[in-house]
Amino acid sequence: MKIDVKYVAELARIELTEEEMAVFQPQLENIVKYVDKISEVDVEGVKPMMHGKEIVNAFREDVVRPSLDKELALGNAPKRVGDEFLLPKIVEGAES
């Protein structure tokens, strides 16, 4: 199968030299051949999955619990504005 590397590069919005296109041509053709080979595999009865190994998330139950008192938490703040911590600007060009 012949791949139009120039067209693919245009779709990807990248500029390639003639030498680069000559390098990528066989590479892309091999990729397409490999995908065609994979499509020959019989997957009848195979359940679709996101990963090769089944993953189980261990979520805890979402339970409302008492939290730290707001005044106690803000009492350790070096500076505050109302009910919020006041922190120094750490990103260049960020609004104060």
PDB file of N, CA and C in Angstrom:
ATOM      1  N   MET A   1       0.848  -1.175   0.000  1.00  0.00           N
ATOM      2  CA  MET A   1       0.000   0.000   0.000  1.00  0.00           C
ATOM      3  C   MET A   1       0.895   1.241   0.000  1.00  0.00           C
ATOM      4  N   LYS A   2       0.623   2.140  -0.895  1.00  0.00           N
ATOM      5  CA  LYS A   2       1.407   3.370  -1.026  1.00  0.00           C
ATOM      6  C   LYS A   2       0.732   4.479  -0.227  1.00  0.00           C
ATOM      7  N   ILE A   3       1.469   5.080   0.709  1.00  0.00           N
ATOM      8  CA  ILE A   3       0.966   6.155   1.552  1.00  0.00           C
ATOM      9  C   ILE A   3       1.452   7.480   0.977  1.00  0.00           C
ATOM     10  N   ASP A   4       0.565   8.464   0.893  1.00  0.00           N
ATOM     11  CA  ASP A   4       0.933   9.801   0.429  1.00  0.00           C
ATOM     12  C   ASP A   4       1.461  10.588   1.627  1.00  0.00           C
ATOM     13  N   VAL A   5       2.769  10.487   1.860  1.00  0.00           N
ATOM     14  CA  VAL A   5       3.390  11.116   3.022  1.00  0.00           C
ATOM     15  C   VAL A   5       3.221  12.631   2.982  1.00  0.00           C
ATOM     16  N   LYS A   6       3.305  13.209   1.830  1.00  0.00           N
ATOM     17  CA  LYS A   6       3.153  14.666   1.709  1.00  0.00           C
ATOM     18  C   LYS A   6       1.758  15.083   2.189  1.00  0.00           C
ATOM     19  N   TYR A   7       0.744  14.336   1.790  1.00  0.00           N
ATOM     20  CA  TYR A   7      -0.637  14.638   2.205  1.00  0.00           C
ATOM     21  C   TYR A   7      -0.806  14.461   3.715  1.00  0.00           C
ATOM     22  N   VAL A   8      -0.241  13.381   4.255  1.00  0.00           N
ATOM     23  CA  VAL A   8      -0.327  13.140   5.698  1.00  0.00           C
ATOM     24  C   VAL A   8       0.369  14.268   6.460  1.00  0.00           C
ATOM     25  N   ALA A   9       1.518  14.715   5.965  1.00  0.00           N
ATOM     26  CA  ALA A   9       2.244  15.817   6.602  1.00  0.00           C
ATOM     27  C   ALA A   9       1.407  17.104   6.563  1.00  0.00           C
ATOM     28  N   GLU A  10       0.735  17.338   5.455  1.00  0.00           N
ATOM     29  CA  GLU A  10      -0.128  18.523   5.365  1.00  0.00           C
ATOM     30  C   GLU A  10      -1.271  18.437   6.374  1.00  0.00           C
ATOM     31  N   LEU A  11      -1.866  17.260   6.528  1.00  0.00           N
ATOM     32  CA  LEU A  11      -2.937  17.088   7.504  1.00  0.00           C
ATOM     33  C   LEU A  11      -2.430  17.356   8.925  1.00  0.00           C
ATOM     34  N   ALA A  12      -1.193  16.944   9.189  1.00  0.00           N
ATOM     35  CA  ALA A  12      -0.598  17.133  10.511  1.00  0.00           C
ATOM     36  C   ALA A  12      -0.006  18.530  10.666  1.00  0.00           C
ATOM     37  N   ARG A  13      -0.042  19.293   9.595  1.00  0.00           N
ATOM     38  CA  ARG A  13       0.503  20.658   9.574  1.00  0.00           C
ATOM     39  C   ARG A  13       1.980  20.682   9.957  1.00  0.00           C
ATOM     40  N   ILE A  14       2.728  19.758   9.362  1.00  0.00           N
ATOM     41  CA  ILE A  14       4.174  19.755   9.549  1.00  0.00           C
ATOM     42  C   ILE A  14       4.843  19.819   8.179  1.00  0.00           C
ATOM     43  N   GLU A  15       5.978  20.464   8.156  1.00  0.00           N
ATOM     44  CA  GLU A  15       6.736  20.574   6.908  1.00  0.00           C
ATOM     45  C   GLU A  15       7.837  19.524   6.902  1.00  0.00           C
ATOM     46  N   LEU A  16       7.909  18.771   5.823  1.00  0.00           N
ATOM     47  CA  LEU A  16       8.936  17.745   5.688  1.00  0.00           C
ATOM     48  C   LEU A  16       9.762  18.009   4.445  1.00  0.00           C
ATOM     49  N   THR A  17      11.058  17.750   4.548  1.00  0.00           N
ATOM     50  CA  THR A  17      11.919  17.828   3.372  1.00  0.00           C
ATOM     51  C   THR A  17      11.711  16.557   2.553  1.00  0.00           C
ATOM     52  N   GLU A  18      12.234  16.553   1.364  1.00  0.00           N
ATOM     53  CA  GLU A  18      12.141  15.366   0.505  1.00  0.00           C
ATOM     54  C   GLU A  18      12.851  14.184   1.173  1.00  0.00           C
ATOM     55  N   GLU A  19      13.974  14.460   1.837  1.00  0.00           N
ATOM     56  CA  GLU A  19      14.717  13.404   2.517  1.00  0.00           C
ATOM     57  C   GLU A  19      13.886  12.808   3.660  1.00  0.00           C
ATOM     58  N   GLU A  20      13.213  13.674   4.431  1.00  0.00           N
ATOM     59  CA  GLU A  20      12.377  13.200   5.538  1.00  0.00           C
ATOM     60  C   GLU A  20      11.203  12.373   5.016  1.00  0.00           C
ATOM     61  N   MET A  21      10.601  12.827   3.909  1.00  0.00           N
ATOM     62  CA  MET A  21       9.490  12.065   3.323  1.00  0.00           C
ATOM     63  C   MET A  21       9.961  10.691   2.866  1.00  0.00           C
ATOM     64  N   ALA A  22      11.190  10.626   2.342  1.00  0.00           N
ATOM     65  CA  ALA A  22      11.734   9.343   1.898  1.00  0.00           C
ATOM     66  C   ALA A  22      11.953   8.405   3.089  1.00  0.00           C
ATOM     67  N   VAL A  23      12.302   8.955   4.253  1.00  0.00           N
ATOM     68  CA  VAL A  23      12.503   8.139   5.456  1.00  0.00           C
ATOM     69  C   VAL A  23      11.153   7.657   5.994  1.00  0.00           C
ATOM     70  N   PHE A  24      10.176   8.573   6.030  1.00  0.00           N
ATOM     71  CA  PHE A  24       8.879   8.248   6.625  1.00  0.00           C
ATOM     72  C   PHE A  24       8.014   7.354   5.744  1.00  0.00           C
ATOM     73  N   GLN A  25       8.227   7.374   4.446  1.00  0.00           N
ATOM     74  CA  GLN A  25       7.412   6.585   3.519  1.00  0.00           C
ATOM     75  C   GLN A  25       7.377   5.106   3.908  1.00  0.00           C
ATOM     76  N   PRO A  26       8.517   4.431   3.997  1.00  0.00           N
ATOM     77  CA  PRO A  26       8.467   3.003   4.353  1.00  0.00           C
ATOM     78  C   PRO A  26       7.985   2.776   5.788  1.00  0.00           C
ATOM     79  N   GLN A  27       8.286   3.717   6.677  1.00  0.00           N
ATOM     80  CA  GLN A  27       7.835   3.564   8.061  1.00  0.00           C
ATOM     81  C   GLN A  27       6.310   3.569   8.136  1.00  0.00           C
ATOM     82  N   LEU A  28       5.671   4.520   7.470  1.00  0.00           N
ATOM     83  CA  LEU A  28       4.204   4.584   7.476  1.00  0.00           C
ATOM     84  C   LEU A  28       3.591   3.376   6.788  1.00  0.00           C
ATOM     85  N   GLU A  29       4.199   2.923   5.709  1.00  0.00           N
ATOM     86  CA  GLU A  29       3.683   1.746   5.024  1.00  0.00           C
ATOM     87  C   GLU A  29       3.768   0.514   5.926  1.00  0.00           C
ATOM     88  N   ASN A  30       4.849   0.385   6.697  1.00  0.00           N
ATOM     89  CA  ASN A  30       4.982  -0.743   7.629  1.00  0.00           C
ATOM     90  C   ASN A  30       3.946  -0.669   8.743  1.00  0.00           C
ATOM     91  N   ILE A  31       3.653   0.532   9.206  1.00  0.00           N
ATOM     92  CA  ILE A  31       2.632   0.701  10.247  1.00  0.00           C
ATOM     93  C   ILE A  31       1.274   0.246   9.727  1.00  0.00           C
ATOM     94  N   VAL A  32       0.933   0.659   8.517  1.00  0.00           N
ATOM     95  CA  VAL A  32      -0.359   0.274   7.934  1.00  0.00           C
ATOM     96  C   VAL A  32      -0.416  -1.231   7.713  1.00  0.00           C
ATOM     97  N   LYS A  33       0.679  -1.834   7.271  1.00  0.00           N
ATOM     98  CA  LYS A  33       0.721  -3.298   7.096  1.00  0.00           C
ATOM     99  C   LYS A  33       0.488  -3.999   8.432  1.00  0.00           C
ATOM    100  N   TYR A  34       1.098  -3.476   9.485  1.00  0.00           N
ATOM    101  CA  TYR A  34       0.955  -4.080  10.811  1.00  0.00           C
ATOM    102  C   TYR A  34      -0.491  -3.980  11.292  1.00  0.00           C
ATOM    103  N   VAL A  35      -1.125  -2.830  11.086  1.00  0.00           N
ATOM    104  CA  VAL A  35      -2.531  -2.666  11.478  1.00  0.00           C
ATOM    105  C   VAL A  35      -3.411  -3.622  10.683  1.00  0.00           C
ATOM    106  N   ASP A  36      -3.126  -3.771   9.399  1.00  0.00           N
ATOM    107  CA  ASP A  36      -3.876  -4.734   8.583  1.00  0.00           C
ATOM    108  C   ASP A  36      -3.698  -6.150   9.117  1.00  0.00           C
ATOM    109  N   LYS A  37      -2.485  -6.498   9.544  1.00  0.00           N
ATOM    110  CA  LYS A  37      -2.209  -7.831  10.086  1.00  0.00           C
ATOM    111  C   LYS A  37      -2.992  -8.044  11.383  1.00  0.00           C
ATOM    112  N   ILE A  38      -3.029  -7.022  12.241  1.00  0.00           N
ATOM    113  CA  ILE A  38      -3.771  -7.120  13.500  1.00  0.00           C
ATOM    114  C   ILE A  38      -5.261  -7.313  13.231  1.00  0.00           C
ATOM    115  N   SER A  39      -5.775  -6.677  12.184  1.00  0.00           N
ATOM    116  CA  SER A  39      -7.207  -6.785  11.893  1.00  0.00           C
ATOM    117  C   SER A  39      -7.607  -8.199  11.466  1.00  0.00           C
ATOM    118  N   GLU A  40      -6.636  -9.055  11.158  1.00  0.00           N
ATOM    119  CA  GLU A  40      -6.925 -10.433  10.786  1.00  0.00           C
ATOM    120  C   GLU A  40      -7.209 -11.323  11.997  1.00  0.00           C
ATOM    121  N   VAL A  41      -6.886 -10.852  13.191  1.00  0.00           N
ATOM    122  CA  VAL A  41      -7.062 -11.651  14.405  1.00  0.00           C
ATOM    123  C   VAL A  41      -8.548 -11.832  14.685  1.00  0.00           C
ATOM    124  N   ASP A  42      -8.937 -13.069  15.003  1.00  0.00           N
ATOM    125  CA  ASP A  42     -10.326 -13.365  15.335  1.00  0.00           C
ATOM    126  C   ASP A  42     -10.597 -12.923  16.769  1.00  0.00           C
ATOM    127  N   VAL A  43     -11.449 -11.920  16.915  1.00  0.00           N
ATOM    128  CA  VAL A  43     -11.782 -11.393  18.246  1.00  0.00           C
ATOM    129  C   VAL A  43     -13.238 -11.688  18.601  1.00  0.00           C
ATOM    130  N   GLU A  44     -13.824 -12.635  17.925  1.00  0.00           N
ATOM    131  CA  GLU A  44     -15.209 -13.017  18.211  1.00  0.00           C
ATOM    132  C   GLU A  44     -15.312 -13.485  19.653  1.00  0.00           C
ATOM    133  N   GLY A  45     -16.211 -12.900  20.398  1.00  0.00           N
ATOM    134  CA  GLY A  45     -16.435 -13.288  21.778  1.00  0.00           C
ATOM    135  C   GLY A  45     -15.492 -12.629  22.778  1.00  0.00           C
ATOM    136  N   VAL A  46     -14.580 -11.784  22.302  1.00  0.00           N
ATOM    137  CA  VAL A  46     -13.664 -11.091  23.207  1.00  0.00           C
ATOM    138  C   VAL A  46     -14.323  -9.789  23.654  1.00  0.00           C
ATOM    139  N   LYS A  47     -14.422  -9.627  24.953  1.00  0.00           N
ATOM    140  CA  LYS A  47     -15.068  -8.445  25.516  1.00  0.00           C
ATOM    141  C   LYS A  47     -14.156  -7.229  25.344  1.00  0.00           C
ATOM    142  N   PRO A  48     -14.686  -6.116  24.824  1.00  0.00           N
ATOM    143  CA  PRO A  48     -13.866  -4.907  24.686  1.00  0.00           C
ATOM    144  C   PRO A  48     -13.412  -4.420  26.055  1.00  0.00           C
ATOM    145  N   MET A  49     -12.177  -3.911  26.110  1.00  0.00           N
ATOM    146  CA  MET A  49     -11.667  -3.397  27.385  1.00  0.00           C
ATOM    147  C   MET A  49     -10.702  -2.251  27.112  1.00  0.00           C
ATOM    148  N   MET A  50     -10.482  -1.447  28.124  1.00  0.00           N
ATOM    149  CA  MET A  50      -9.577  -0.313  27.998  1.00  0.00           C
ATOM    150  C   MET A  50      -8.122  -0.723  28.190  1.00  0.00           C
ATOM    151  N   HIS A  51      -7.875  -1.777  28.967  1.00  0.00           N
ATOM    152  CA  HIS A  51      -6.526  -2.213  29.295  1.00  0.00           C
ATOM    153  C   HIS A  51      -6.426  -3.724  29.072  1.00  0.00           C
ATOM    154  N   GLY A  52      -5.210  -4.186  28.905  1.00  0.00           N
ATOM    155  CA  GLY A  52      -4.996  -5.616  28.736  1.00  0.00           C
ATOM    156  C   GLY A  52      -5.263  -6.400  30.005  1.00  0.00           C
ATOM    157  N   LYS A  53      -5.191  -5.728  31.122  1.00  0.00           N
ATOM    158  CA  LYS A  53      -5.426  -6.367  32.412  1.00  0.00           C
ATOM    159  C   LYS A  53      -6.598  -5.650  33.077  1.00  0.00           C
ATOM    160  N   GLU A  54      -7.502  -6.425  33.668  1.00  0.00           N
ATOM    161  CA  GLU A  54      -8.659  -5.814  34.311  1.00  0.00           C
ATOM    162  C   GLU A  54      -8.203  -4.968  35.492  1.00  0.00           C
ATOM    163  N   ILE A  55      -8.712  -3.741  35.556  1.00  0.00           N
ATOM    164  CA  ILE A  55      -8.359  -2.813  36.623  1.00  0.00           C
ATOM    165  C   ILE A  55      -9.585  -2.573  37.485  1.00  0.00           C
ATOM    166  N   VAL A  56      -9.390  -2.674  38.786  1.00  0.00           N
ATOM    167  CA  VAL A  56     -10.491  -2.450  39.718  1.00  0.00           C
ATOM    168  C   VAL A  56     -10.131  -1.257  40.591  1.00  0.00           C
ATOM    169  N   ASN A  57     -10.992  -0.255  40.607  1.00  0.00           N
ATOM    170  CA  ASN A  57     -10.773   0.901  41.459  1.00  0.00           C
ATOM    171  C   ASN A  57     -11.286   0.604  42.857  1.00  0.00           C
ATOM    172  N   ALA A  58     -10.532   1.025  43.842  1.00  0.00           N
ATOM    173  CA  ALA A  58     -10.929   0.820  45.229  1.00  0.00           C
ATOM    174  C   ALA A  58     -11.374   2.168  45.794  1.00  0.00           C
ATOM    175  N   PHE A  59     -12.628   2.483  45.582  1.00  0.00           N
ATOM    176  CA  PHE A  59     -13.170   3.737  46.090  1.00  0.00           C
ATOM    177  C   PHE A  59     -13.758   3.513  47.472  1.00  0.00           C
ATOM    178  N   ARG A  60     -13.528   4.465  48.342  1.00  0.00           N
ATOM    179  CA  ARG A  60     -14.173   4.373  49.643  1.00  0.00           C
ATOM    180  C   ARG A  60     -15.546   5.016  49.530  1.00  0.00           C
ATOM    181  N   GLU A  61     -16.400   4.702  50.435  1.00  0.00           N
ATOM    182  CA  GLU A  61     -17.729   5.276  50.444  1.00  0.00           C
ATOM    183  C   GLU A  61     -17.619   6.762  50.754  1.00  0.00           C
ATOM    184  N   ASP A  62     -18.380   7.569  50.061  1.00  0.00           N
ATOM    185  CA  ASP A  62     -18.369   9.016  50.254  1.00  0.00           C
ATOM    186  C   ASP A  62     -19.255   9.357  51.450  1.00  0.00           C
ATOM    187  N   VAL A  63     -18.617   9.667  52.575  1.00  0.00           N
ATOM    188  CA  VAL A  63     -19.342   9.925  53.815  1.00  0.00           C
ATOM    189  C   VAL A  63     -19.003  11.336  54.292  1.00  0.00           C
ATOM    190  N   VAL A  64     -20.018  12.096  54.648  1.00  0.00           N
ATOM    191  CA  VAL A  64     -19.800  13.435  55.183  1.00  0.00           C
ATOM    192  C   VAL A  64     -19.266  13.295  56.602  1.00  0.00           C
ATOM    193  N   ARG A  65     -18.157  13.985  56.875  1.00  0.00           N
ATOM    194  CA  ARG A  65     -17.538  13.947  58.197  1.00  0.00           C
ATOM    195  C   ARG A  65     -17.251  15.382  58.645  1.00  0.00           C
ATOM    196  N   PRO A  66     -17.134  15.602  59.924  1.00  0.00           N
ATOM    197  CA  PRO A  66     -16.776  16.945  60.391  1.00  0.00           C
ATOM    198  C   PRO A  66     -15.385  17.315  59.878  1.00  0.00           C
ATOM    199  N   SER A  67     -15.209  18.568  59.526  1.00  0.00           N
ATOM    200  CA  SER A  67     -13.912  19.007  59.022  1.00  0.00           C
ATOM    201  C   SER A  67     -13.308  20.030  59.971  1.00  0.00           C
ATOM    202  N   LEU A  68     -12.114  20.478  59.634  1.00  0.00           N
ATOM    203  CA  LEU A  68     -11.386  21.431  60.458  1.00  0.00           C
ATOM    204  C   LEU A  68     -12.160  22.750  60.509  1.00  0.00           C
ATOM    205  N   ASP A  69     -12.247  23.329  61.680  1.00  0.00           N
ATOM    206  CA  ASP A  69     -12.922  24.608  61.850  1.00  0.00           C
ATOM    207  C   ASP A  69     -12.212  25.682  61.015  1.00  0.00           C
ATOM    208  N   LYS A  70     -12.985  26.487  60.299  1.00  0.00           N
ATOM    209  CA  LYS A  70     -12.443  27.495  59.396  1.00  0.00           C
ATOM    210  C   LYS A  70     -11.518  28.463  60.134  1.00  0.00           C
ATOM    211  N   GLU A  71     -11.919  28.974  61.262  1.00  0.00           N
ATOM    212  CA  GLU A  71     -11.105  29.932  62.007  1.00  0.00           C
ATOM    213  C   GLU A  71      -9.819  29.290  62.514  1.00  0.00           C
ATOM    214  N   LEU A  72      -9.882  28.036  62.910  1.00  0.00           N
ATOM    215  CA  LEU A  72      -8.691  27.337  63.375  1.00  0.00           C
ATOM    216  C   LEU A  72      -7.685  27.186  62.229  1.00  0.00           C
ATOM    217  N   ALA A  73      -8.184  26.818  61.039  1.00  0.00           N
ATOM    218  CA  ALA A  73      -7.319  26.661  59.873  1.00  0.00           C
ATOM    219  C   ALA A  73      -6.719  27.995  59.464  1.00  0.00           C
ATOM    220  N   LEU A  74      -7.519  29.044  59.394  1.00  0.00           N
ATOM    221  CA  LEU A  74      -7.030  30.360  58.984  1.00  0.00           C
ATOM    222  C   LEU A  74      -6.174  31.010  60.059  1.00  0.00           C
ATOM    223  N   GLY A  75      -6.265  30.529  61.286  1.00  0.00           N
ATOM    224  CA  GLY A  75      -5.472  31.098  62.370  1.00  0.00           C
ATOM    225  C   GLY A  75      -3.983  30.921  62.154  1.00  0.00           C
ATOM    226  N   ASN A  76      -3.568  29.937  61.375  1.00  0.00           N
ATOM    227  CA  ASN A  76      -2.152  29.699  61.081  1.00  0.00           C
ATOM    228  C   ASN A  76      -1.675  30.413  59.829  1.00  0.00           C
ATOM    229  N   ALA A  77      -2.558  31.104  59.140  1.00  0.00           N
ATOM    230  CA  ALA A  77      -2.187  31.780  57.897  1.00  0.00           C
ATOM    231  C   ALA A  77      -1.335  33.004  58.209  1.00  0.00           C
ATOM    232  N   PRO A  78      -0.202  33.169  57.493  1.00  0.00           N
ATOM    233  CA  PRO A  78       0.602  34.368  57.727  1.00  0.00           C
ATOM    234  C   PRO A  78      -0.165  35.632  57.324  1.00  0.00           C
ATOM    235  N   LYS A  79      -0.961  35.510  56.261  1.00  0.00           N
ATOM    236  CA  LYS A  79      -1.811  36.619  55.824  1.00  0.00           C
ATOM    237  C   LYS A  79      -3.126  36.033  55.339  1.00  0.00           C
ATOM    238  N   ARG A  80      -4.176  36.798  55.454  1.00  0.00           N
ATOM    239  CA  ARG A  80      -5.472  36.346  54.969  1.00  0.00           C
ATOM    240  C   ARG A  80      -6.286  37.531  54.505  1.00  0.00           C
ATOM    241  N   VAL A  81      -7.246  37.218  53.623  1.00  0.00           N
ATOM    242  CA  VAL A  81      -8.198  38.208  53.131  1.00  0.00           C
ATOM    243  C   VAL A  81      -9.567  37.599  53.380  1.00  0.00           C
ATOM    244  N   GLY A  82     -10.281  38.122  54.349  1.00  0.00           N
ATOM    245  CA  GLY A  82     -11.584  37.572  54.693  1.00  0.00           C
ATOM    246  C   GLY A  82     -11.439  36.138  55.137  1.00  0.00           C
ATOM    247  N   ASP A  83     -12.117  35.235  54.440  1.00  0.00           N
ATOM    248  CA  ASP A  83     -12.085  33.811  54.779  1.00  0.00           C
ATOM    249  C   ASP A  83     -11.137  33.022  53.880  1.00  0.00           C
ATOM    250  N   GLU A  84     -10.115  33.694  53.325  1.00  0.00           N
ATOM    251  CA  GLU A  84      -9.200  33.015  52.405  1.00  0.00           C
ATOM    252  C   GLU A  84      -7.750  33.270  52.802  1.00  0.00           C
ATOM    253  N   PHE A  85      -6.880  32.328  52.457  1.00  0.00           N
ATOM    254  CA  PHE A  85      -5.445  32.523  52.640  1.00  0.00           C
ATOM    255  C   PHE A  85      -4.954  33.522  51.606  1.00  0.00           C
ATOM    256  N   LEU A  86      -4.022  34.400  51.961  1.00  0.00           N
ATOM    257  CA  LEU A  86      -3.390  35.314  51.012  1.00  0.00           C
ATOM    258  C   LEU A  86      -1.987  34.798  50.767  1.00  0.00           C
ATOM    259  N   LEU A  87      -1.709  34.416  49.520  1.00  0.00           N
ATOM    260  CA  LEU A  87      -0.428  33.834  49.165  1.00  0.00           C
ATOM    261  C   LEU A  87       0.319  34.750  48.216  1.00  0.00           C
ATOM    262  N   PRO A  88       1.640  34.696  48.220  1.00  0.00           N
ATOM    263  CA  PRO A  88       2.404  35.523  47.280  1.00  0.00           C
ATOM    264  C   PRO A  88       2.235  34.990  45.858  1.00  0.00           C
ATOM    265  N   LYS A  89       2.373  35.889  44.894  1.00  0.00           N
ATOM    266  CA  LYS A  89       2.301  35.510  43.491  1.00  0.00           C
ATOM    267  C   LYS A  89       3.519  34.657  43.159  1.00  0.00           C
ATOM    268  N   ILE A  90       3.309  33.505  42.545  1.00  0.00           N
ATOM    269  CA  ILE A  90       4.429  32.603  42.219  1.00  0.00           C
ATOM    270  C   ILE A  90       4.580  32.354  40.724  1.00  0.00           C
ATOM    271  N   VAL A  91       3.670  32.881  39.910  1.00  0.00           N
ATOM    272  CA  VAL A  91       3.732  32.668  38.468  1.00  0.00           C
ATOM    273  C   VAL A  91       4.001  33.999  37.795  1.00  0.00           C
ATOM    274  N   GLU A  92       5.017  34.040  36.954  1.00  0.00           N
ATOM    275  CA  GLU A  92       5.339  35.274  36.231  1.00  0.00           C
ATOM    276  C   GLU A  92       4.157  35.706  35.364  1.00  0.00           C
ATOM    277  N   GLY A  93       3.852  36.976  35.391  1.00  0.00           N
ATOM    278  CA  GLY A  93       2.776  37.507  34.557  1.00  0.00           C
ATOM    279  C   GLY A  93       1.389  37.265  35.099  1.00  0.00           C
ATOM    280  N   ALA A  94       1.273  36.642  36.266  1.00  0.00           N
ATOM    281  CA  ALA A  94      -0.058  36.378  36.850  1.00  0.00           C
ATOM    282  C   ALA A  94      -0.604  37.670  37.448  1.00  0.00           C
ATOM    283  N   GLU A  95      -1.905  37.777  37.400  1.00  0.00           N
ATOM    284  CA  GLU A  95      -2.558  38.942  37.993  1.00  0.00           C
ATOM    285  C   GLU A  95      -2.487  38.862  39.510  1.00  0.00           C
ATOM    286  N   SER A  96      -2.298  39.983  40.164  1.00  0.00           N
ATOM    287  CA  SER A  96      -2.263  40.006  41.635  1.00  0.00           C
ATOM    288  C   SER A  96      -3.635  40.047  42.198  1.00  0.00           C
TER     289      SER A  96
END
